[in-house]
């Protein structure tokens, strides 16, 4: 069985996503978890590129990696409580979490196996990024602006939480 280069890239990116997402939820250092989250998000953008969804890949990198992840890292670095040695970073509910995750995995696999997947054979528009951009600035301008306000509120909230009392 011989694999094409795009299949090899897909399997490599999938492996990176699985391993780095496991590190995101298992590492005790929250800063290292954020770094592995960025690696996971970059790998997902790579899969979007393989699927021909360039706009989603660029959005993934700009919004999640460029904005949300950097915001999380700033919040981690500016919040002195997270760096304290007094905080115990352990979870006593690991067994319960494993059973819940296994149940969710079984339900997901069952629904994937029982779904009839339709393949759309219509060609993609010639310039889908321009079409999406026009839709964002005309029909979907209100949700687009609401998302920007929510991100601004998250930034202000991170600044307020990181300020020291009385400073």
Foldseek 3Di string as FASTA:
>chain_A
DDDDPLVVLLVVLVVLLVVLCVVLPPDLQNLSSLVSVLSNLLSVLVVCVSVVNPVVSVCSCCPVVVQVSVLVNVLCVLAVVSVDPPDDRDDPCPVVVVVVVVVVVVVVVVVVVPDDDDDDPDDDDPCVVVVVVVCCVPVVVVVVVVVVVVSVVSSVVSVVNSDDPPD
